[in-house]
Amino acid sequence: MSATSQNTELVDQLNRALGLEMRAEIMYAHYAAYVSGIYRLHLKPYFEAEASESFVHANTVRNAINQLGGEAVTVREELPIRHTTDYRIMLDEAMSTEKLAASTYRGILDLVTDNDELHDLIEQIYFAELRSVEELAQLM
């Protein structure tokens, strides 16, 4: 694979991750607003923190795309965000989102072969996604 086609594939995958982060930010903000009952006390701040983390991850990925000479997407991933007031469904949706993000970042790590700084940034995000999966498993 040539350096140019490898760079194009990397930018494409980073754009996928960016779209997923934008979707996650919206989903978590939505769930923070709609979680109710006794679960609201714990889950509202959790969802808000996850929304903030997604915003930071999106900015990191967007900057990486720019540094690679690519053009960052400006729309979120098209996967629907399920509206619910049931905290169990919210947690299930969050788990699916985090697992998909972790898988996406794992794939990106395989593409970053000659840029240690970018590899480290993506690896940090990947580990954060894995931590989110572990946290959600404990909440479920």
N, C-alpha and C. Protein backbone atom coordinates (compact mmCIF):
# COMPACT_ATOMS: atom_id res chain seq x y z
N MET A 1 0.84 -1.17 0.00
CA MET A 1 0.00 0.00 0.00
C MET A 1 0.89 1.24 0.00
N SER A 2 0.62 2.17 -0.88
CA SER A 2 1.44 3.37 -0.96
C SER A 2 1.17 4.28 0.23
N ALA A 3 2.11 5.19 0.49
CA ALA A 3 1.96 6.12 1.61
C ALA A 3 0.71 6.97 1.44
N THR A 4 0.42 7.37 0.19
CA THR A 4 -0.75 8.22 -0.05
C THR A 4 -2.05 7.45 0.21
N SER A 5 -2.15 6.22 -0.29
CA SER A 5 -3.38 5.46 -0.06
C SER A 5 -3.51 5.07 1.41
N GLN A 6 -2.38 4.81 2.07
CA GLN A 6 -2.43 4.51 3.50
C GLN A 6 -2.91 5.73 4.27
N ASN A 7 -2.43 6.93 3.90
CA ASN A 7 -2.85 8.15 4.55
C ASN A 7 -4.34 8.41 4.31
N THR A 8 -4.80 8.12 3.10
CA THR A 8 -6.22 8.29 2.78
C THR A 8 -7.07 7.36 3.63
N GLU A 9 -6.66 6.11 3.77
CA GLU A 9 -7.40 5.16 4.60
C GLU A 9 -7.40 5.60 6.06
N LEU A 10 -6.27 6.12 6.53
CA LEU A 10 -6.18 6.59 7.91
C LEU A 10 -7.13 7.77 8.13
N VAL A 11 -7.13 8.72 7.22
CA VAL A 11 -8.03 9.87 7.34
C VAL A 11 -9.49 9.41 7.29
N ASP A 12 -9.80 8.47 6.42
CA ASP A 12 -11.16 7.94 6.35
C ASP A 12 -11.59 7.32 7.68
N GLN A 13 -10.70 6.54 8.28
CA GLN A 13 -11.03 5.90 9.55
C GLN A 13 -11.09 6.91 10.69
N LEU A 14 -10.23 7.92 10.65
CA LEU A 14 -10.31 8.99 11.65
C LEU A 14 -11.63 9.75 11.51
N ASN A 15 -12.07 9.96 10.28
CA ASN A 15 -13.36 10.62 10.07
C ASN A 15 -14.50 9.76 10.60
N ARG A 16 -14.40 8.47 10.45
CA ARG A 16 -15.42 7.58 11.03
C ARG A 16 -15.44 7.74 12.54
N ALA A 17 -14.26 7.75 13.15
CA ALA A 17 -14.18 7.93 14.61
C ALA A 17 -14.73 9.30 15.02
N LEU A 18 -14.44 10.31 14.24
CA LEU A 18 -14.94 11.66 14.53
C LEU A 18 -16.47 11.67 14.50
N GLY A 19 -17.06 11.06 13.49
CA GLY A 19 -18.51 10.98 13.40
C GLY A 19 -19.12 10.23 14.58
N LEU A 20 -18.44 9.17 15.01
CA LEU A 20 -18.92 8.41 16.18
C LEU A 20 -18.84 9.25 17.45
N GLU A 21 -17.77 10.02 17.60
CA GLU A 21 -17.62 10.88 18.78
C GLU A 21 -18.70 11.96 18.81
N MET A 22 -18.99 12.55 17.65
CA MET A 22 -20.03 13.57 17.60
C MET A 22 -21.38 12.95 17.95
N ARG A 23 -21.63 11.75 17.46
CA ARG A 23 -22.87 11.05 17.80
C ARG A 23 -22.93 10.77 19.29
N ALA A 24 -21.83 10.28 19.86
CA ALA A 24 -21.80 9.95 21.29
C ALA A 24 -22.04 11.19 22.14
N GLU A 25 -21.47 12.31 21.75
CA GLU A 25 -21.67 13.55 22.51
C GLU A 25 -23.16 13.90 22.57
N ILE A 26 -23.83 13.82 21.43
CA ILE A 26 -25.26 14.13 21.37
C ILE A 26 -26.06 13.11 22.17
N MET A 27 -25.74 11.82 22.01
CA MET A 27 -26.47 10.77 22.72
C MET A 27 -26.36 10.94 24.23
N TYR A 28 -25.14 11.15 24.72
CA TYR A 28 -24.95 11.27 26.16
C TYR A 28 -25.62 12.53 26.72
N ALA A 29 -25.57 13.63 25.99
CA ALA A 29 -26.25 14.85 26.44
C ALA A 29 -27.76 14.61 26.49
N HIS A 30 -28.28 13.90 25.50
CA HIS A 30 -29.71 13.58 25.45
C HIS A 30 -30.10 12.70 26.64
N TYR A 31 -29.31 11.68 26.89
CA TYR A 31 -29.62 10.78 28.00
C TYR A 31 -29.48 11.48 29.35
N ALA A 32 -28.54 12.39 29.48
CA ALA A 32 -28.40 13.15 30.73
C ALA A 32 -29.66 13.97 30.99
N ALA A 33 -30.26 14.48 29.93
CA ALA A 33 -31.48 15.27 30.07
C ALA A 33 -32.70 14.41 30.40
N TYR A 34 -32.73 13.17 29.92
CA TYR A 34 -33.94 12.36 30.04
C TYR A 34 -33.89 11.25 31.09
N VAL A 35 -32.74 10.99 31.68
CA VAL A 35 -32.71 9.96 32.72
C VAL A 35 -33.51 10.49 33.92
N SER A 36 -34.27 9.60 34.55
CA SER A 36 -35.15 10.07 35.61
C SER A 36 -35.14 9.11 36.80
N GLY A 37 -35.86 9.52 37.81
CA GLY A 37 -35.98 8.69 39.01
C GLY A 37 -34.70 8.69 39.83
N ILE A 38 -34.59 7.69 40.64
CA ILE A 38 -33.45 7.60 41.54
C ILE A 38 -32.13 7.43 40.77
N TYR A 39 -32.21 6.86 39.58
CA TYR A 39 -31.02 6.63 38.77
C TYR A 39 -30.42 7.93 38.25
N ARG A 40 -31.25 8.99 38.19
CA ARG A 40 -30.79 10.29 37.72
C ARG A 40 -29.62 10.81 38.57
N LEU A 41 -29.67 10.57 39.86
CA LEU A 41 -28.63 11.07 40.76
C LEU A 41 -27.23 10.62 40.34
N HIS A 42 -27.13 9.40 39.89
CA HIS A 42 -25.82 8.86 39.50
C HIS A 42 -25.58 8.96 37.99
N LEU A 43 -26.61 8.70 37.20
CA LEU A 43 -26.40 8.60 35.76
C LEU A 43 -26.33 9.95 35.05
N LYS A 44 -27.03 10.96 35.54
CA LYS A 44 -26.96 12.26 34.88
C LYS A 44 -25.51 12.78 34.84
N PRO A 45 -24.81 12.82 35.98
CA PRO A 45 -23.41 13.28 35.91
C PRO A 45 -22.51 12.34 35.10
N TYR A 46 -22.82 11.04 35.13
CA TYR A 46 -22.04 10.09 34.33
C TYR A 46 -22.21 10.39 32.84
N PHE A 47 -23.46 10.55 32.40
CA PHE A 47 -23.71 10.84 30.99
C PHE A 47 -23.10 12.19 30.59
N GLU A 48 -23.18 13.18 31.47
CA GLU A 48 -22.59 14.48 31.16
C GLU A 48 -21.07 14.39 31.01
N ALA A 49 -20.44 13.61 31.87
CA ALA A 49 -18.99 13.43 31.78
C ALA A 49 -18.62 12.70 30.48
N GLU A 50 -19.41 11.72 30.10
CA GLU A 50 -19.15 11.00 28.85
C GLU A 50 -19.33 11.92 27.63
N ALA A 51 -20.33 12.81 27.70
CA ALA A 51 -20.53 13.77 26.61
C ALA A 51 -19.31 14.69 26.49
N SER A 52 -18.80 15.15 27.63
CA SER A 52 -17.61 16.01 27.62
C SER A 52 -16.39 15.26 27.09
N GLU A 53 -16.25 14.01 27.49
CA GLU A 53 -15.13 13.20 27.00
C GLU A 53 -15.22 13.02 25.48
N SER A 54 -16.42 12.79 24.98
CA SER A 54 -16.60 12.63 23.53
C SER A 54 -16.22 13.92 22.79
N PHE A 55 -16.54 15.06 23.37
CA PHE A 55 -16.18 16.34 22.78
C PHE A 55 -14.65 16.47 22.69
N VAL A 56 -13.97 16.11 23.75
CA VAL A 56 -12.49 16.18 23.76
C VAL A 56 -11.91 15.21 22.75
N HIS A 57 -12.43 14.00 22.70
CA HIS A 57 -11.94 13.02 21.73
C HIS A 57 -12.17 13.52 20.31
N ALA A 58 -13.33 14.09 20.06
CA ALA A 58 -13.63 14.62 18.71
C ALA A 58 -12.62 15.70 18.33
N ASN A 59 -12.31 16.59 19.25
CA ASN A 59 -11.34 17.64 18.94
C ASN A 59 -9.95 17.06 18.66
N THR A 60 -9.57 16.06 19.41
CA THR A 60 -8.27 15.42 19.19
C THR A 60 -8.21 14.79 17.80
N VAL A 61 -9.26 14.07 17.45
CA VAL A 61 -9.31 13.40 16.15
C VAL A 61 -9.37 14.43 15.02
N ARG A 62 -10.16 15.47 15.20
CA ARG A 62 -10.27 16.53 14.19
C ARG A 62 -8.90 17.18 13.93
N ASN A 63 -8.17 17.45 14.99
CA ASN A 63 -6.83 18.04 14.85
C ASN A 63 -5.88 17.09 14.13
N ALA A 64 -5.99 15.80 14.42
CA ALA A 64 -5.14 14.82 13.74
C ALA A 64 -5.44 14.78 12.24
N ILE A 65 -6.72 14.84 11.89
CA ILE A 65 -7.10 14.84 10.48
C ILE A 65 -6.51 16.07 9.79
N ASN A 66 -6.59 17.21 10.43
CA ASN A 66 -6.03 18.44 9.88
C ASN A 66 -4.53 18.31 9.69
N GLN A 67 -3.83 17.78 10.68
CA GLN A 67 -2.38 17.63 10.59
C GLN A 67 -1.97 16.67 9.48
N LEU A 68 -2.84 15.72 9.17
CA LEU A 68 -2.56 14.78 8.07
C LEU A 68 -2.93 15.35 6.71
N GLY A 69 -3.49 16.57 6.71
CA GLY A 69 -3.86 17.21 5.45
C GLY A 69 -5.23 16.79 4.95
N GLY A 70 -6.02 16.16 5.81
CA GLY A 70 -7.35 15.72 5.42
C GLY A 70 -8.41 16.76 5.76
N GLU A 71 -9.62 16.45 5.37
CA GLU A 71 -10.76 17.31 5.68
C GLU A 71 -11.69 16.56 6.63
N ALA A 72 -11.90 17.14 7.80
CA ALA A 72 -12.73 16.50 8.82
C ALA A 72 -14.21 16.61 8.48
N VAL A 73 -14.93 15.54 8.78
CA VAL A 73 -16.37 15.55 8.59
C VAL A 73 -16.99 16.55 9.55
N THR A 74 -18.17 17.04 9.17
CA THR A 74 -18.89 17.99 10.02
C THR A 74 -20.27 17.47 10.42
N VAL A 75 -20.52 16.20 10.14
CA VAL A 75 -21.79 15.59 10.53
C VAL A 75 -21.50 14.33 11.35
N ARG A 76 -22.43 14.01 12.22
CA ARG A 76 -22.24 12.85 13.08
C ARG A 76 -22.52 11.56 12.32
N GLU A 77 -22.08 10.47 12.91
CA GLU A 77 -22.38 9.13 12.39
C GLU A 77 -23.90 8.99 12.29
N GLU A 78 -24.37 8.34 11.24
CA GLU A 78 -25.80 8.26 10.96
C GLU A 78 -26.58 7.27 11.83
N LEU A 79 -25.90 6.44 12.60
CA LEU A 79 -26.63 5.50 13.46
C LEU A 79 -27.65 6.27 14.30
N PRO A 80 -28.87 5.78 14.36
CA PRO A 80 -29.88 6.52 15.12
C PRO A 80 -29.58 6.53 16.62
N ILE A 81 -30.01 7.59 17.26
CA ILE A 81 -29.92 7.69 18.72
C ILE A 81 -31.31 7.38 19.26
N ARG A 82 -31.39 6.34 20.02
CA ARG A 82 -32.68 5.87 20.52
C ARG A 82 -33.16 6.74 21.68
N HIS A 83 -34.31 7.35 21.53
CA HIS A 83 -34.90 8.13 22.62
C HIS A 83 -35.60 7.18 23.58
N THR A 84 -35.29 7.36 24.85
CA THR A 84 -35.92 6.55 25.89
C THR A 84 -35.78 7.27 27.22
N THR A 85 -36.62 6.89 28.16
CA THR A 85 -36.45 7.34 29.54
C THR A 85 -36.09 6.16 30.44
N ASP A 86 -35.91 4.99 29.84
CA ASP A 86 -35.55 3.78 30.57
C ASP A 86 -34.03 3.71 30.70
N TYR A 87 -33.54 3.81 31.92
CA TYR A 87 -32.10 3.84 32.14
C TYR A 87 -31.40 2.58 31.64
N ARG A 88 -32.08 1.44 31.67
CA ARG A 88 -31.45 0.20 31.20
C ARG A 88 -31.19 0.25 29.70
N ILE A 89 -32.14 0.80 28.96
CA ILE A 89 -31.95 0.96 27.51
C ILE A 89 -30.83 1.96 27.25
N MET A 90 -30.80 3.03 28.03
CA MET A 90 -29.73 4.02 27.88
C MET A 90 -28.36 3.37 28.07
N LEU A 91 -28.24 2.55 29.10
CA LEU A 91 -26.96 1.88 29.36
C LEU A 91 -26.62 0.89 28.25
N ASP A 92 -27.61 0.18 27.74
CA ASP A 92 -27.37 -0.73 26.61
C ASP A 92 -26.89 0.03 25.38
N GLU A 93 -27.54 1.14 25.09
CA GLU A 93 -27.14 1.96 23.94
C GLU A 93 -25.73 2.52 24.14
N ALA A 94 -25.45 2.95 25.35
CA ALA A 94 -24.12 3.47 25.65
C ALA A 94 -23.06 2.38 25.47
N MET A 95 -23.37 1.17 25.93
CA MET A 95 -22.42 0.05 25.79
C MET A 95 -22.15 -0.24 24.32
N SER A 96 -23.18 -0.28 23.52
CA SER A 96 -22.99 -0.52 22.08
C SER A 96 -22.13 0.57 21.45
N THR A 97 -22.38 1.80 21.85
CA THR A 97 -21.62 2.94 21.32
C THR A 97 -20.15 2.85 21.71
N GLU A 98 -19.89 2.54 22.96
CA GLU A 98 -18.50 2.47 23.43
C GLU A 98 -17.75 1.29 22.82
N LYS A 99 -18.42 0.17 22.65
CA LYS A 99 -17.77 -0.98 22.02
C LYS A 99 -17.42 -0.68 20.56
N LEU A 100 -18.32 -0.01 19.86
CA LEU A 100 -18.05 0.36 18.47
C LEU A 100 -16.90 1.34 18.40
N ALA A 101 -16.87 2.31 19.30
CA ALA A 101 -15.77 3.28 19.32
C ALA A 101 -14.44 2.58 19.60
N ALA A 102 -14.42 1.70 20.58
CA ALA A 102 -13.19 0.98 20.91
C ALA A 102 -12.70 0.17 19.72
N SER A 103 -13.59 -0.50 19.05
CA SER A 103 -13.23 -1.29 17.87
C SER A 103 -12.68 -0.39 16.75
N THR A 104 -13.30 0.75 16.57
CA THR A 104 -12.85 1.68 15.54
C THR A 104 -11.44 2.19 15.84
N TYR A 105 -11.20 2.58 17.09
CA TYR A 105 -9.87 3.07 17.45
C TYR A 105 -8.82 1.96 17.40
N ARG A 106 -9.21 0.73 17.73
CA ARG A 106 -8.28 -0.41 17.61
C ARG A 106 -7.82 -0.55 16.17
N GLY A 107 -8.75 -0.42 15.23
CA GLY A 107 -8.41 -0.49 13.81
C GLY A 107 -7.53 0.65 13.37
N ILE A 108 -7.75 1.84 13.91
CA ILE A 108 -6.93 3.00 13.56
C ILE A 108 -5.50 2.79 14.04
N LEU A 109 -5.34 2.22 15.21
CA LEU A 109 -3.98 1.97 15.73
C LEU A 109 -3.17 1.12 14.76
N ASP A 110 -3.82 0.18 14.10
CA ASP A 110 -3.12 -0.67 13.13
C ASP A 110 -2.66 0.12 11.91
N LEU A 111 -3.31 1.24 11.63
CA LEU A 111 -2.96 2.06 10.46
C LEU A 111 -1.86 3.09 10.76
N VAL A 112 -1.67 3.40 12.02
CA VAL A 112 -0.68 4.42 12.40
C VAL A 112 0.65 3.71 12.65
N THR A 113 1.48 3.71 11.62
CA THR A 113 2.73 2.95 11.72
C THR A 113 3.98 3.82 11.79
N ASP A 114 3.86 5.07 11.38
CA ASP A 114 5.07 5.90 11.30
C ASP A 114 4.92 7.25 11.98
N ASN A 115 3.97 7.36 12.90
CA ASN A 115 3.74 8.62 13.59
C ASN A 115 3.49 8.32 15.07
N ASP A 116 4.58 8.35 15.84
CA ASP A 116 4.50 7.98 17.25
C ASP A 116 3.55 8.87 18.05
N GLU A 117 3.56 10.16 17.75
CA GLU A 117 2.69 11.09 18.48
C GLU A 117 1.22 10.77 18.23
N LEU A 118 0.86 10.56 16.98
CA LEU A 118 -0.53 10.22 16.65
C LEU A 118 -0.89 8.86 17.25
N HIS A 119 0.01 7.91 17.17
CA HIS A 119 -0.24 6.59 17.75
C HIS A 119 -0.55 6.72 19.24
N ASP A 120 0.24 7.52 19.95
CA ASP A 120 0.02 7.71 21.39
C ASP A 120 -1.33 8.36 21.67
N LEU A 121 -1.69 9.37 20.88
CA LEU A 121 -2.98 10.04 21.07
C LEU A 121 -4.15 9.08 20.86
N ILE A 122 -4.09 8.32 19.78
CA ILE A 122 -5.17 7.37 19.48
C ILE A 122 -5.20 6.25 20.52
N GLU A 123 -4.05 5.81 20.97
CA GLU A 123 -4.00 4.77 21.99
C GLU A 123 -4.63 5.25 23.29
N GLN A 124 -4.40 6.51 23.65
CA GLN A 124 -5.03 7.05 24.86
C GLN A 124 -6.55 7.06 24.74
N ILE A 125 -7.05 7.44 23.56
CA ILE A 125 -8.50 7.43 23.34
C ILE A 125 -9.02 5.99 23.38
N TYR A 126 -8.31 5.09 22.74
CA TYR A 126 -8.70 3.68 22.74
C TYR A 126 -8.83 3.14 24.16
N PHE A 127 -7.83 3.43 25.00
CA PHE A 127 -7.89 2.97 26.39
C PHE A 127 -9.04 3.62 27.15
N ALA A 128 -9.32 4.87 26.85
CA ALA A 128 -10.47 5.55 27.49
C ALA A 128 -11.78 4.87 27.09
N GLU A 129 -11.88 4.46 25.83
CA GLU A 129 -13.09 3.76 25.39
C GLU A 129 -13.22 2.41 26.09
N LEU A 130 -12.11 1.71 26.25
CA LEU A 130 -12.15 0.44 26.97
C LEU A 130 -12.56 0.64 28.43
N ARG A 131 -12.06 1.72 29.06
CA ARG A 131 -12.46 2.02 30.44
C ARG A 131 -13.97 2.30 30.51
N SER A 132 -14.48 2.99 29.51
CA SER A 132 -15.92 3.27 29.48
C SER A 132 -16.73 1.97 29.39
N VAL A 133 -16.25 1.03 28.59
CA VAL A 133 -16.92 -0.27 28.49
C VAL A 133 -16.92 -0.96 29.85
N GLU A 134 -15.81 -0.92 30.55
CA GLU A 134 -15.71 -1.54 31.88
C GLU A 134 -16.65 -0.85 32.88
N GLU A 135 -16.68 0.49 32.85
CA GLU A 135 -17.55 1.23 33.75
C GLU A 135 -19.01 0.89 33.49
N LEU A 136 -19.39 0.84 32.21
CA LEU A 136 -20.77 0.53 31.87
C LEU A 136 -21.15 -0.88 32.31
N ALA A 137 -20.22 -1.82 32.17
CA ALA A 137 -20.49 -3.19 32.61
C ALA A 137 -20.79 -3.21 34.11
N GLN A 138 -20.12 -2.39 34.86
CA GLN A 138 -20.37 -2.32 36.32
C GLN A 138 -21.71 -1.65 36.62
N LEU A 139 -22.12 -0.70 35.79
CA LEU A 139 -23.38 -0.02 36.00
C LEU A 139 -24.60 -0.86 35.63
N MET A 140 -24.37 -1.83 34.76
CA MET A 140 -25.51 -2.61 34.24
C MET A 140 -25.98 -3.66 35.20
